[in-house]
Amino acid sequence: MTDGNDVLTLDMMFEWLEKLPVPEGYKSEIVGGHIFLWPQQDTHWDITMCIIEQLRATYPRKRLRSDVRLDCPGRLNGFAPDVVALSEDAGDGLDVDFVAEVVSAETAGNDYGPKKDAYATAGVPGYLIVDPYDGTWHLHTLPKDGKYHATVSFGFGEDVDLTGTVVGLTLKTDDFPRD
């Protein structure tokens, strides 16, 4: 707890989170000042790895991240995205070309709501939501004024065309498993 003089920060919240007895195999992040924990699923991991493997065609390993803290705009947003492709000149800020989130039943509302808004506010050029429950993907592009102004949605089996973005490639979804 704070003593009334301290301001709650992400660093403080992550310190608390590190002290919690989080079960092995659980993922955690902070969205809008709320801590979320949920079990990592095999389907979730398979899709994450499929995306990372395809991004390796244009991104060196050191510019790809998974489940690593990413501080985002908004009140106390410390996300742990499933896939992050960093910009070539990424520094300490939010220099990100692309983010992919694979929906978990416990946190789907975050992926479609506050996380999408935060990524748009940060100017992330491409945000992909992959939903293994209904077998769909949703690509959000053209961020401006805190919103994405273009969205394309299709089912698994249809390619995700990122050639018109800084990512510059097409993601195959044929092998994405369903939950």
N, C-alpha and C. Protein backbone atom coordinates (compact mmCIF):
# COMPACT_ATOMS: atom_id res chain seq x y z
N MET A 1 0.83 -1.18 0.00
CA MET A 1 0.00 0.00 0.00
C MET A 1 0.88 1.24 0.00
N THR A 2 0.33 2.30 -0.47
CA THR A 2 1.06 3.56 -0.44
C THR A 2 0.65 4.31 0.82
N ASP A 3 1.47 5.25 1.24
CA ASP A 3 1.19 5.99 2.48
C ASP A 3 0.40 7.27 2.23
N GLY A 4 -0.14 7.42 1.03
CA GLY A 4 -0.91 8.62 0.70
C GLY A 4 -0.06 9.65 -0.01
N ASN A 5 1.26 9.60 0.19
CA ASN A 5 2.16 10.54 -0.49
C ASN A 5 2.74 9.94 -1.76
N ASP A 6 2.77 8.62 -1.80
CA ASP A 6 3.31 7.93 -2.97
C ASP A 6 2.25 7.84 -4.06
N VAL A 7 2.72 7.86 -5.27
CA VAL A 7 1.84 7.66 -6.41
C VAL A 7 2.07 6.23 -6.89
N LEU A 8 0.99 5.51 -7.09
CA LEU A 8 1.09 4.14 -7.57
C LEU A 8 1.72 4.14 -8.96
N THR A 9 2.71 3.28 -9.16
CA THR A 9 3.39 3.19 -10.45
C THR A 9 3.38 1.75 -10.95
N LEU A 10 3.65 1.58 -12.23
CA LEU A 10 3.77 0.23 -12.78
C LEU A 10 4.90 -0.54 -12.12
N ASP A 11 6.02 0.15 -11.88
CA ASP A 11 7.14 -0.53 -11.23
C ASP A 11 6.73 -1.09 -9.87
N MET A 12 5.99 -0.31 -9.09
CA MET A 12 5.52 -0.78 -7.79
C MET A 12 4.61 -2.00 -7.96
N MET A 13 3.70 -1.91 -8.91
CA MET A 13 2.77 -3.01 -9.11
C MET A 13 3.48 -4.28 -9.58
N PHE A 14 4.48 -4.14 -10.46
CA PHE A 14 5.23 -5.32 -10.90
C PHE A 14 6.08 -5.90 -9.76
N GLU A 15 6.58 -5.05 -8.87
CA GLU A 15 7.29 -5.55 -7.69
C GLU A 15 6.36 -6.39 -6.83
N TRP A 16 5.13 -5.91 -6.62
CA TRP A 16 4.14 -6.69 -5.86
C TRP A 16 3.85 -8.01 -6.57
N LEU A 17 3.68 -7.94 -7.87
CA LEU A 17 3.36 -9.12 -8.65
C LEU A 17 4.47 -10.18 -8.54
N GLU A 18 5.72 -9.72 -8.54
CA GLU A 18 6.84 -10.65 -8.42
C GLU A 18 6.84 -11.37 -7.08
N LYS A 19 6.25 -10.76 -6.06
CA LYS A 19 6.21 -11.36 -4.72
C LYS A 19 5.02 -12.30 -4.52
N LEU A 20 4.06 -12.24 -5.46
CA LEU A 20 2.89 -13.11 -5.34
C LEU A 20 3.26 -14.55 -5.72
N PRO A 21 2.57 -15.52 -5.11
CA PRO A 21 2.83 -16.92 -5.48
C PRO A 21 2.07 -17.29 -6.76
N VAL A 22 2.52 -16.75 -7.88
CA VAL A 22 1.87 -17.02 -9.17
C VAL A 22 2.21 -18.45 -9.58
N PRO A 23 1.20 -19.27 -9.86
CA PRO A 23 1.47 -20.65 -10.26
C PRO A 23 2.28 -20.71 -11.55
N GLU A 24 3.11 -21.73 -11.65
CA GLU A 24 3.91 -21.93 -12.86
C GLU A 24 2.97 -22.14 -14.04
N GLY A 25 3.32 -21.57 -15.18
CA GLY A 25 2.51 -21.71 -16.37
C GLY A 25 1.44 -20.64 -16.52
N TYR A 26 1.45 -19.66 -15.62
CA TYR A 26 0.49 -18.57 -15.72
C TYR A 26 1.16 -17.34 -16.28
N LYS A 27 0.42 -16.59 -17.03
CA LYS A 27 0.88 -15.34 -17.61
C LYS A 27 0.26 -14.20 -16.80
N SER A 28 0.96 -13.07 -16.74
CA SER A 28 0.42 -11.93 -15.99
C SER A 28 0.72 -10.63 -16.72
N GLU A 29 -0.16 -9.66 -16.48
CA GLU A 29 0.06 -8.31 -16.99
C GLU A 29 -0.84 -7.36 -16.22
N ILE A 30 -0.61 -6.08 -16.43
CA ILE A 30 -1.39 -5.04 -15.75
C ILE A 30 -2.07 -4.20 -16.82
N VAL A 31 -3.40 -4.14 -16.72
CA VAL A 31 -4.21 -3.39 -17.68
C VAL A 31 -5.06 -2.41 -16.88
N GLY A 32 -4.81 -1.12 -17.09
CA GLY A 32 -5.59 -0.11 -16.39
C GLY A 32 -5.48 -0.19 -14.88
N GLY A 33 -4.32 -0.60 -14.39
CA GLY A 33 -4.11 -0.68 -12.95
C GLY A 33 -4.63 -1.96 -12.31
N HIS A 34 -5.13 -2.89 -13.12
CA HIS A 34 -5.64 -4.17 -12.62
C HIS A 34 -4.68 -5.28 -13.03
N ILE A 35 -4.38 -6.17 -12.11
CA ILE A 35 -3.49 -7.30 -12.39
C ILE A 35 -4.34 -8.46 -12.91
N PHE A 36 -3.90 -9.03 -14.02
CA PHE A 36 -4.59 -10.18 -14.61
C PHE A 36 -3.62 -11.36 -14.64
N LEU A 37 -4.12 -12.52 -14.24
CA LEU A 37 -3.39 -13.78 -14.31
C LEU A 37 -4.26 -14.79 -15.04
N TRP A 38 -3.66 -15.58 -15.93
CA TRP A 38 -4.41 -16.62 -16.60
C TRP A 38 -3.45 -17.70 -17.07
N PRO A 39 -3.95 -18.94 -17.18
CA PRO A 39 -3.07 -20.04 -17.60
C PRO A 39 -2.71 -19.96 -19.07
N GLN A 40 -1.47 -20.25 -19.35
CA GLN A 40 -1.01 -20.30 -20.74
C GLN A 40 -1.49 -21.62 -21.34
N GLN A 41 -2.09 -21.57 -22.51
CA GLN A 41 -2.64 -22.75 -23.16
C GLN A 41 -1.75 -23.18 -24.32
N ASP A 42 -1.76 -24.48 -24.63
CA ASP A 42 -0.97 -25.00 -25.75
C ASP A 42 -1.36 -24.34 -27.07
N THR A 43 -2.66 -24.20 -27.30
CA THR A 43 -3.14 -23.58 -28.54
C THR A 43 -2.61 -22.16 -28.67
N HIS A 44 -2.68 -21.44 -27.56
CA HIS A 44 -2.20 -20.06 -27.50
C HIS A 44 -0.72 -20.00 -27.89
N TRP A 45 0.07 -20.87 -27.29
CA TRP A 45 1.51 -20.89 -27.56
C TRP A 45 1.81 -21.29 -29.00
N ASP A 46 1.06 -22.27 -29.54
CA ASP A 46 1.28 -22.70 -30.92
C ASP A 46 1.07 -21.55 -31.90
N ILE A 47 0.00 -20.78 -31.69
CA ILE A 47 -0.27 -19.64 -32.58
C ILE A 47 0.81 -18.58 -32.43
N THR A 48 1.20 -18.30 -31.20
CA THR A 48 2.26 -17.32 -30.94
C THR A 48 3.53 -17.71 -31.69
N MET A 49 3.93 -18.96 -31.56
CA MET A 49 5.16 -19.41 -32.23
C MET A 49 5.02 -19.39 -33.75
N CYS A 50 3.86 -19.71 -34.25
CA CYS A 50 3.63 -19.67 -35.70
C CYS A 50 3.83 -18.25 -36.23
N ILE A 51 3.32 -17.27 -35.51
CA ILE A 51 3.49 -15.88 -35.92
C ILE A 51 4.95 -15.46 -35.85
N ILE A 52 5.62 -15.79 -34.75
CA ILE A 52 7.04 -15.43 -34.59
C ILE A 52 7.88 -16.06 -35.69
N GLU A 53 7.65 -17.34 -35.98
CA GLU A 53 8.42 -18.01 -37.02
C GLU A 53 8.26 -17.32 -38.38
N GLN A 54 7.06 -16.88 -38.69
CA GLN A 54 6.84 -16.20 -39.97
C GLN A 54 7.46 -14.81 -39.99
N LEU A 55 7.41 -14.11 -38.86
CA LEU A 55 8.01 -12.77 -38.79
C LEU A 55 9.53 -12.83 -38.93
N ARG A 56 10.13 -13.96 -38.64
CA ARG A 56 11.59 -14.10 -38.76
C ARG A 56 12.06 -13.92 -40.20
N ALA A 57 11.15 -13.98 -41.16
CA ALA A 57 11.52 -13.74 -42.56
C ALA A 57 12.01 -12.31 -42.76
N THR A 58 11.51 -11.37 -41.95
CA THR A 58 11.92 -9.97 -42.10
C THR A 58 12.46 -9.35 -40.82
N TYR A 59 12.29 -10.01 -39.70
CA TYR A 59 12.76 -9.46 -38.42
C TYR A 59 13.82 -10.36 -37.81
N PRO A 60 14.99 -9.79 -37.46
CA PRO A 60 15.97 -10.59 -36.74
C PRO A 60 15.44 -10.95 -35.35
N ARG A 61 15.92 -12.04 -34.81
CA ARG A 61 15.47 -12.54 -33.51
C ARG A 61 15.47 -11.47 -32.43
N LYS A 62 16.48 -10.61 -32.42
CA LYS A 62 16.62 -9.60 -31.37
C LYS A 62 15.54 -8.50 -31.44
N ARG A 63 14.80 -8.45 -32.55
CA ARG A 63 13.72 -7.45 -32.66
C ARG A 63 12.34 -8.05 -32.43
N LEU A 64 12.30 -9.31 -32.01
CA LEU A 64 11.03 -9.97 -31.71
C LEU A 64 10.97 -10.30 -30.22
N ARG A 65 9.81 -10.10 -29.64
CA ARG A 65 9.60 -10.36 -28.21
C ARG A 65 8.30 -11.14 -28.03
N SER A 66 8.22 -11.85 -26.91
CA SER A 66 7.00 -12.53 -26.52
C SER A 66 6.91 -12.53 -25.00
N ASP A 67 5.75 -12.15 -24.49
CA ASP A 67 5.49 -12.16 -23.05
C ASP A 67 6.48 -11.34 -22.24
N VAL A 68 6.93 -10.23 -22.80
CA VAL A 68 7.87 -9.34 -22.11
C VAL A 68 7.15 -8.02 -21.85
N ARG A 69 7.39 -7.46 -20.70
CA ARG A 69 6.71 -6.22 -20.30
C ARG A 69 6.86 -5.11 -21.34
N LEU A 70 5.73 -4.50 -21.66
CA LEU A 70 5.69 -3.38 -22.59
C LEU A 70 4.78 -2.33 -21.97
N ASP A 71 5.37 -1.23 -21.51
CA ASP A 71 4.59 -0.15 -20.91
C ASP A 71 3.90 0.64 -22.02
N CYS A 72 2.59 0.83 -21.87
CA CYS A 72 1.79 1.46 -22.91
C CYS A 72 1.06 2.68 -22.36
N PRO A 73 0.60 3.55 -23.26
CA PRO A 73 -0.13 4.74 -22.84
C PRO A 73 -1.39 4.37 -22.05
N GLY A 74 -1.81 5.31 -21.23
CA GLY A 74 -2.99 5.09 -20.41
C GLY A 74 -2.59 4.90 -18.96
N ARG A 75 -3.56 4.74 -18.11
CA ARG A 75 -3.31 4.62 -16.68
C ARG A 75 -2.83 3.21 -16.33
N LEU A 76 -1.58 3.11 -15.90
CA LEU A 76 -0.99 1.86 -15.40
C LEU A 76 -1.22 0.69 -16.35
N ASN A 77 -0.66 0.80 -17.54
CA ASN A 77 -0.74 -0.26 -18.54
C ASN A 77 0.64 -0.87 -18.75
N GLY A 78 0.84 -2.04 -18.20
CA GLY A 78 2.07 -2.81 -18.40
C GLY A 78 1.69 -4.14 -19.01
N PHE A 79 1.66 -4.19 -20.32
CA PHE A 79 1.19 -5.39 -21.02
C PHE A 79 2.33 -6.39 -21.21
N ALA A 80 1.95 -7.62 -21.51
CA ALA A 80 2.90 -8.68 -21.86
C ALA A 80 2.40 -9.30 -23.17
N PRO A 81 2.56 -8.58 -24.29
CA PRO A 81 2.00 -9.05 -25.57
C PRO A 81 2.55 -10.41 -25.97
N ASP A 82 1.72 -11.15 -26.70
CA ASP A 82 2.15 -12.46 -27.18
C ASP A 82 3.27 -12.32 -28.21
N VAL A 83 3.16 -11.33 -29.09
CA VAL A 83 4.20 -11.08 -30.10
C VAL A 83 4.39 -9.58 -30.25
N VAL A 84 5.65 -9.16 -30.23
CA VAL A 84 6.00 -7.76 -30.50
C VAL A 84 7.13 -7.76 -31.51
N ALA A 85 6.96 -6.98 -32.58
CA ALA A 85 8.04 -6.76 -33.54
C ALA A 85 8.50 -5.32 -33.35
N LEU A 86 9.74 -5.16 -32.91
CA LEU A 86 10.29 -3.84 -32.64
C LEU A 86 10.75 -3.16 -33.92
N SER A 87 10.64 -1.84 -33.94
CA SER A 87 11.13 -1.05 -35.06
C SER A 87 12.64 -1.20 -35.17
N GLU A 88 13.16 -0.95 -36.35
CA GLU A 88 14.60 -1.10 -36.58
C GLU A 88 15.41 -0.19 -35.66
N ASP A 89 14.90 1.00 -35.40
CA ASP A 89 15.63 1.96 -34.56
C ASP A 89 15.04 2.03 -33.15
N ALA A 90 14.47 0.91 -32.68
CA ALA A 90 13.83 0.89 -31.36
C ALA A 90 14.80 1.30 -30.27
N GLY A 91 14.33 2.21 -29.44
CA GLY A 91 15.12 2.66 -28.29
C GLY A 91 14.39 2.27 -27.02
N ASP A 92 14.36 3.19 -26.07
CA ASP A 92 13.71 2.92 -24.80
C ASP A 92 12.20 3.12 -24.85
N GLY A 93 11.71 3.83 -25.87
CA GLY A 93 10.28 4.13 -25.95
C GLY A 93 9.50 3.00 -26.56
N LEU A 94 8.28 3.31 -26.96
CA LEU A 94 7.39 2.32 -27.55
C LEU A 94 7.57 2.34 -29.07
N ASP A 95 8.74 1.89 -29.52
CA ASP A 95 9.07 1.84 -30.94
C ASP A 95 8.73 0.46 -31.48
N VAL A 96 7.46 0.27 -31.78
CA VAL A 96 6.95 -1.04 -32.15
C VAL A 96 6.30 -0.96 -33.53
N ASP A 97 6.61 -1.94 -34.38
CA ASP A 97 6.00 -2.03 -35.70
C ASP A 97 4.69 -2.81 -35.68
N PHE A 98 4.63 -3.82 -34.80
CA PHE A 98 3.53 -4.78 -34.86
C PHE A 98 3.36 -5.46 -33.51
N VAL A 99 2.11 -5.69 -33.14
CA VAL A 99 1.78 -6.46 -31.93
C VAL A 99 0.71 -7.48 -32.32
N ALA A 100 0.85 -8.69 -31.81
CA ALA A 100 -0.19 -9.71 -31.96
C ALA A 100 -0.57 -10.21 -30.58
N GLU A 101 -1.86 -10.30 -30.36
CA GLU A 101 -2.39 -10.86 -29.12
C GLU A 101 -3.26 -12.05 -29.50
N VAL A 102 -3.01 -13.19 -28.85
CA VAL A 102 -3.84 -14.38 -29.03
C VAL A 102 -4.82 -14.39 -27.87
N VAL A 103 -6.09 -14.40 -28.18
CA VAL A 103 -7.14 -14.27 -27.18
C VAL A 103 -7.14 -15.45 -26.21
N SER A 104 -7.24 -15.13 -24.93
CA SER A 104 -7.50 -16.11 -23.87
C SER A 104 -8.90 -15.82 -23.35
N ALA A 105 -9.62 -16.85 -23.01
CA ALA A 105 -11.01 -16.67 -22.56
C ALA A 105 -11.08 -15.71 -21.38
N GLU A 106 -10.09 -15.77 -20.49
CA GLU A 106 -10.12 -14.96 -19.27
C GLU A 106 -9.87 -13.48 -19.51
N THR A 107 -9.20 -13.13 -20.60
CA THR A 107 -8.79 -11.74 -20.81
C THR A 107 -9.16 -11.20 -22.19
N ALA A 108 -10.09 -11.83 -22.87
CA ALA A 108 -10.47 -11.41 -24.23
C ALA A 108 -10.90 -9.96 -24.27
N GLY A 109 -11.63 -9.52 -23.28
CA GLY A 109 -12.11 -8.13 -23.24
C GLY A 109 -10.97 -7.13 -23.28
N ASN A 110 -9.84 -7.47 -22.68
CA ASN A 110 -8.67 -6.57 -22.71
C ASN A 110 -8.11 -6.44 -24.12
N ASP A 111 -8.01 -7.57 -24.83
CA ASP A 111 -7.43 -7.56 -26.17
C ASP A 111 -8.26 -6.73 -27.14
N TYR A 112 -9.58 -6.86 -27.06
CA TYR A 112 -10.48 -6.16 -27.96
C TYR A 112 -10.78 -4.73 -27.51
N GLY A 113 -10.48 -4.39 -26.26
CA GLY A 113 -10.84 -3.08 -25.72
C GLY A 113 -9.65 -2.23 -25.35
N PRO A 114 -9.27 -2.21 -24.04
CA PRO A 114 -8.24 -1.27 -23.59
C PRO A 114 -6.87 -1.47 -24.24
N LYS A 115 -6.52 -2.70 -24.57
CA LYS A 115 -5.22 -2.91 -25.20
C LYS A 115 -5.22 -2.36 -26.63
N LYS A 116 -6.30 -2.58 -27.35
CA LYS A 116 -6.41 -2.03 -28.71
C LYS A 116 -6.31 -0.51 -28.67
N ASP A 117 -7.00 0.11 -27.72
CA ASP A 117 -6.96 1.57 -27.59
C ASP A 117 -5.55 2.06 -27.25
N ALA A 118 -4.88 1.37 -26.34
CA ALA A 118 -3.53 1.78 -25.94
C ALA A 118 -2.54 1.63 -27.10
N TYR A 119 -2.63 0.53 -27.85
CA TYR A 119 -1.74 0.35 -29.00
C TYR A 119 -1.99 1.43 -30.06
N ALA A 120 -3.25 1.77 -30.28
CA ALA A 120 -3.57 2.83 -31.25
C ALA A 120 -3.03 4.17 -30.78
N THR A 121 -3.20 4.47 -29.49
CA THR A 121 -2.69 5.72 -28.93
C THR A 121 -1.17 5.79 -29.06
N ALA A 122 -0.51 4.64 -28.90
CA ALA A 122 0.95 4.58 -29.03
C ALA A 122 1.40 4.66 -30.49
N GLY A 123 0.46 4.55 -31.41
CA GLY A 123 0.81 4.62 -32.84
C GLY A 123 1.38 3.33 -33.39
N VAL A 124 1.08 2.19 -32.77
CA VAL A 124 1.56 0.90 -33.29
C VAL A 124 0.88 0.67 -34.64
N PRO A 125 1.67 0.56 -35.73
CA PRO A 125 1.10 0.49 -37.08
C PRO A 125 0.21 -0.72 -37.35
N GLY A 126 0.50 -1.84 -36.71
CA GLY A 126 -0.31 -3.03 -36.93
C GLY A 126 -0.58 -3.77 -35.64
N TYR A 127 -1.86 -4.03 -35.37
CA TYR A 127 -2.26 -4.78 -34.19
C TYR A 127 -3.16 -5.93 -34.64
N LEU A 128 -2.72 -7.15 -34.39
CA LEU A 128 -3.45 -8.35 -34.81
C LEU A 128 -4.00 -9.06 -33.58
N ILE A 129 -5.31 -9.29 -33.60
CA ILE A 129 -5.96 -10.10 -32.57
C ILE A 129 -6.31 -11.43 -33.21
N VAL A 130 -5.83 -12.52 -32.61
CA VAL A 130 -6.11 -13.86 -33.11
C VAL A 130 -6.99 -14.56 -32.08
N ASP A 131 -8.15 -15.03 -32.53
CA ASP A 131 -9.12 -15.64 -31.61
C ASP A 131 -9.29 -17.13 -31.93
N PRO A 132 -8.63 -18.00 -31.14
CA PRO A 132 -8.73 -19.43 -31.42
C PRO A 132 -10.08 -20.04 -31.04
N TYR A 133 -10.91 -19.30 -30.33
CA TYR A 133 -12.22 -19.81 -29.93
C TYR A 133 -13.21 -19.78 -31.07
N ASP A 134 -13.16 -18.72 -31.89
CA ASP A 134 -14.07 -18.68 -33.04
C ASP A 134 -13.32 -18.81 -34.37
N GLY A 135 -11.99 -19.01 -34.30
CA GLY A 135 -11.20 -19.23 -35.51
C GLY A 135 -11.12 -18.02 -36.42
N THR A 136 -11.00 -16.82 -35.81
CA THR A 136 -10.91 -15.59 -36.60
C THR A 136 -9.68 -14.78 -36.22
N TRP A 137 -9.31 -13.88 -37.11
CA TRP A 137 -8.27 -12.90 -36.80
C TRP A 137 -8.78 -11.53 -37.23
N HIS A 138 -8.25 -10.49 -36.54
CA HIS A 138 -8.68 -9.11 -36.78
C HIS A 138 -7.44 -8.22 -36.83
N LEU A 139 -7.16 -7.65 -37.98
CA LEU A 139 -6.00 -6.78 -38.15
C LEU A 139 -6.45 -5.33 -38.09
N HIS A 140 -5.84 -4.57 -37.17
CA HIS A 140 -6.14 -3.14 -37.01
C HIS A 140 -4.93 -2.34 -37.47
N THR A 141 -5.16 -1.38 -38.36
CA THR A 141 -4.08 -0.55 -38.90
C THR A 141 -4.54 0.91 -38.96
N LEU A 142 -3.66 1.76 -39.42
CA LEU A 142 -3.90 3.19 -39.56
C LEU A 142 -4.27 3.86 -38.22
N PRO A 143 -3.36 3.80 -37.25
CA PRO A 143 -3.65 4.45 -35.97
C PRO A 143 -3.55 5.98 -36.09
N LYS A 144 -4.54 6.66 -35.55
CA LYS A 144 -4.53 8.12 -35.52
C LYS A 144 -5.50 8.58 -34.45
N ASP A 145 -5.07 9.56 -33.66
CA ASP A 145 -5.91 10.14 -32.62
C ASP A 145 -6.46 9.08 -31.66
N GLY A 146 -5.64 8.09 -31.32
CA GLY A 146 -6.02 7.09 -30.33
C GLY A 146 -6.97 6.01 -30.80
N LYS A 147 -7.15 5.90 -32.12
CA LYS A 147 -8.04 4.88 -32.66
C LYS A 147 -7.42 4.28 -33.92
N TYR A 148 -7.78 3.03 -34.18
CA TYR A 148 -7.41 2.42 -35.46
C TYR A 148 -8.52 2.74 -36.44
N HIS A 149 -8.12 3.14 -37.66
CA HIS A 149 -9.10 3.57 -38.65
C HIS A 149 -9.31 2.56 -39.77
N ALA A 150 -8.65 1.42 -39.68
CA ALA A 150 -8.88 0.35 -40.65
C ALA A 150 -8.84 -0.99 -39.92
N THR A 151 -9.80 -1.83 -40.22
CA THR A 151 -9.87 -3.16 -39.63
C THR A 151 -10.27 -4.16 -40.71
N VAL A 152 -9.55 -5.27 -40.73
CA VAL A 152 -9.87 -6.37 -41.63
C VAL A 152 -10.00 -7.61 -40.77
N SER A 153 -11.05 -8.40 -40.98
CA SER A 153 -11.28 -9.62 -40.21
C SER A 153 -11.60 -10.77 -41.15
N PHE A 154 -10.99 -11.93 -40.88
CA PHE A 154 -11.25 -13.15 -41.64
C PHE A 154 -11.10 -14.34 -40.72
N GLY A 155 -11.45 -15.51 -41.24
CA GLY A 155 -11.28 -16.75 -40.51
C GLY A 155 -9.90 -17.35 -40.75
N PHE A 156 -9.54 -18.30 -39.89
CA PHE A 156 -8.29 -19.03 -40.06
C PHE A 156 -8.31 -19.68 -41.44
N GLY A 157 -7.16 -19.67 -42.09
CA GLY A 157 -7.05 -20.17 -43.45
C GLY A 157 -6.88 -19.04 -44.45
N GLU A 158 -7.36 -17.85 -44.08
CA GLU A 158 -7.16 -16.65 -44.91
C GLU A 158 -5.88 -15.96 -44.44
N ASP A 159 -5.06 -15.52 -45.38
CA ASP A 159 -3.80 -14.86 -45.05
C ASP A 159 -4.03 -13.48 -44.44
N VAL A 160 -3.12 -13.08 -43.55
CA VAL A 160 -3.10 -11.73 -42.99
C VAL A 160 -2.13 -10.92 -43.84
N ASP A 161 -2.64 -10.01 -44.62
CA ASP A 161 -1.82 -9.22 -45.54
C ASP A 161 -1.25 -8.01 -44.82
N LEU A 162 0.04 -8.08 -44.53
CA LEU A 162 0.76 -6.98 -43.88
C LEU A 162 1.71 -6.29 -44.86
N THR A 163 1.55 -6.57 -46.16
CA THR A 163 2.47 -6.00 -47.14
C THR A 163 2.30 -4.49 -47.26
N GLY A 164 1.15 -3.95 -46.92
CA GLY A 164 0.94 -2.51 -46.97
C GLY A 164 1.34 -1.81 -45.69
N THR A 165 1.95 -2.54 -44.76
CA THR A 165 2.43 -1.97 -43.50
C THR A 165 3.94 -2.06 -43.45
N VAL A 166 4.53 -1.50 -42.42
CA VAL A 166 5.98 -1.55 -42.24
C VAL A 166 6.48 -2.98 -42.08
N VAL A 167 5.61 -3.90 -41.67
CA VAL A 167 6.00 -5.31 -41.51
C VAL A 167 6.37 -5.92 -42.85
N GLY A 168 5.59 -5.62 -43.89
CA GLY A 168 5.94 -6.00 -45.25
C GLY A 168 5.89 -7.47 -45.60
N LEU A 169 5.01 -8.25 -44.99
CA LEU A 169 4.89 -9.65 -45.35
C LEU A 169 3.46 -10.12 -45.16
N THR A 170 3.21 -11.35 -45.56
CA THR A 170 1.90 -11.97 -45.41
C THR A 170 2.02 -13.11 -44.42
N LEU A 171 1.14 -13.14 -43.41
CA LEU A 171 1.13 -14.22 -42.43
C LEU A 171 0.13 -15.28 -42.87
N LYS A 172 0.57 -16.52 -42.91
CA LYS A 172 -0.30 -17.65 -43.21
C LYS A 172 -1.00 -18.07 -41.91
N THR A 173 -2.29 -18.37 -42.00
CA THR A 173 -3.04 -18.78 -40.80
C THR A 173 -3.58 -20.21 -40.93
N ASP A 174 -3.21 -20.92 -41.99
CA ASP A 174 -3.70 -22.29 -42.21
C ASP A 174 -3.42 -23.21 -41.03
N ASP A 175 -2.27 -23.02 -40.39
CA ASP A 175 -1.86 -23.91 -39.31
C ASP A 175 -2.27 -23.44 -37.92
N PHE A 176 -3.01 -22.35 -37.83
CA PHE A 176 -3.45 -21.87 -36.52
C PHE A 176 -4.46 -22.87 -35.94
N PRO A 177 -4.16 -23.43 -34.79
CA PRO A 177 -5.11 -24.36 -34.17
C PRO A 177 -6.28 -23.62 -33.52
N ARG A 178 -7.37 -24.33 -33.31
CA ARG A 178 -8.54 -23.76 -32.64
C ARG A 178 -8.65 -24.35 -31.25
N ASP A 179 -9.26 -23.57 -30.38
CA ASP A 179 -9.48 -24.03 -29.01
C ASP A 179 -10.93 -24.40 -28.83
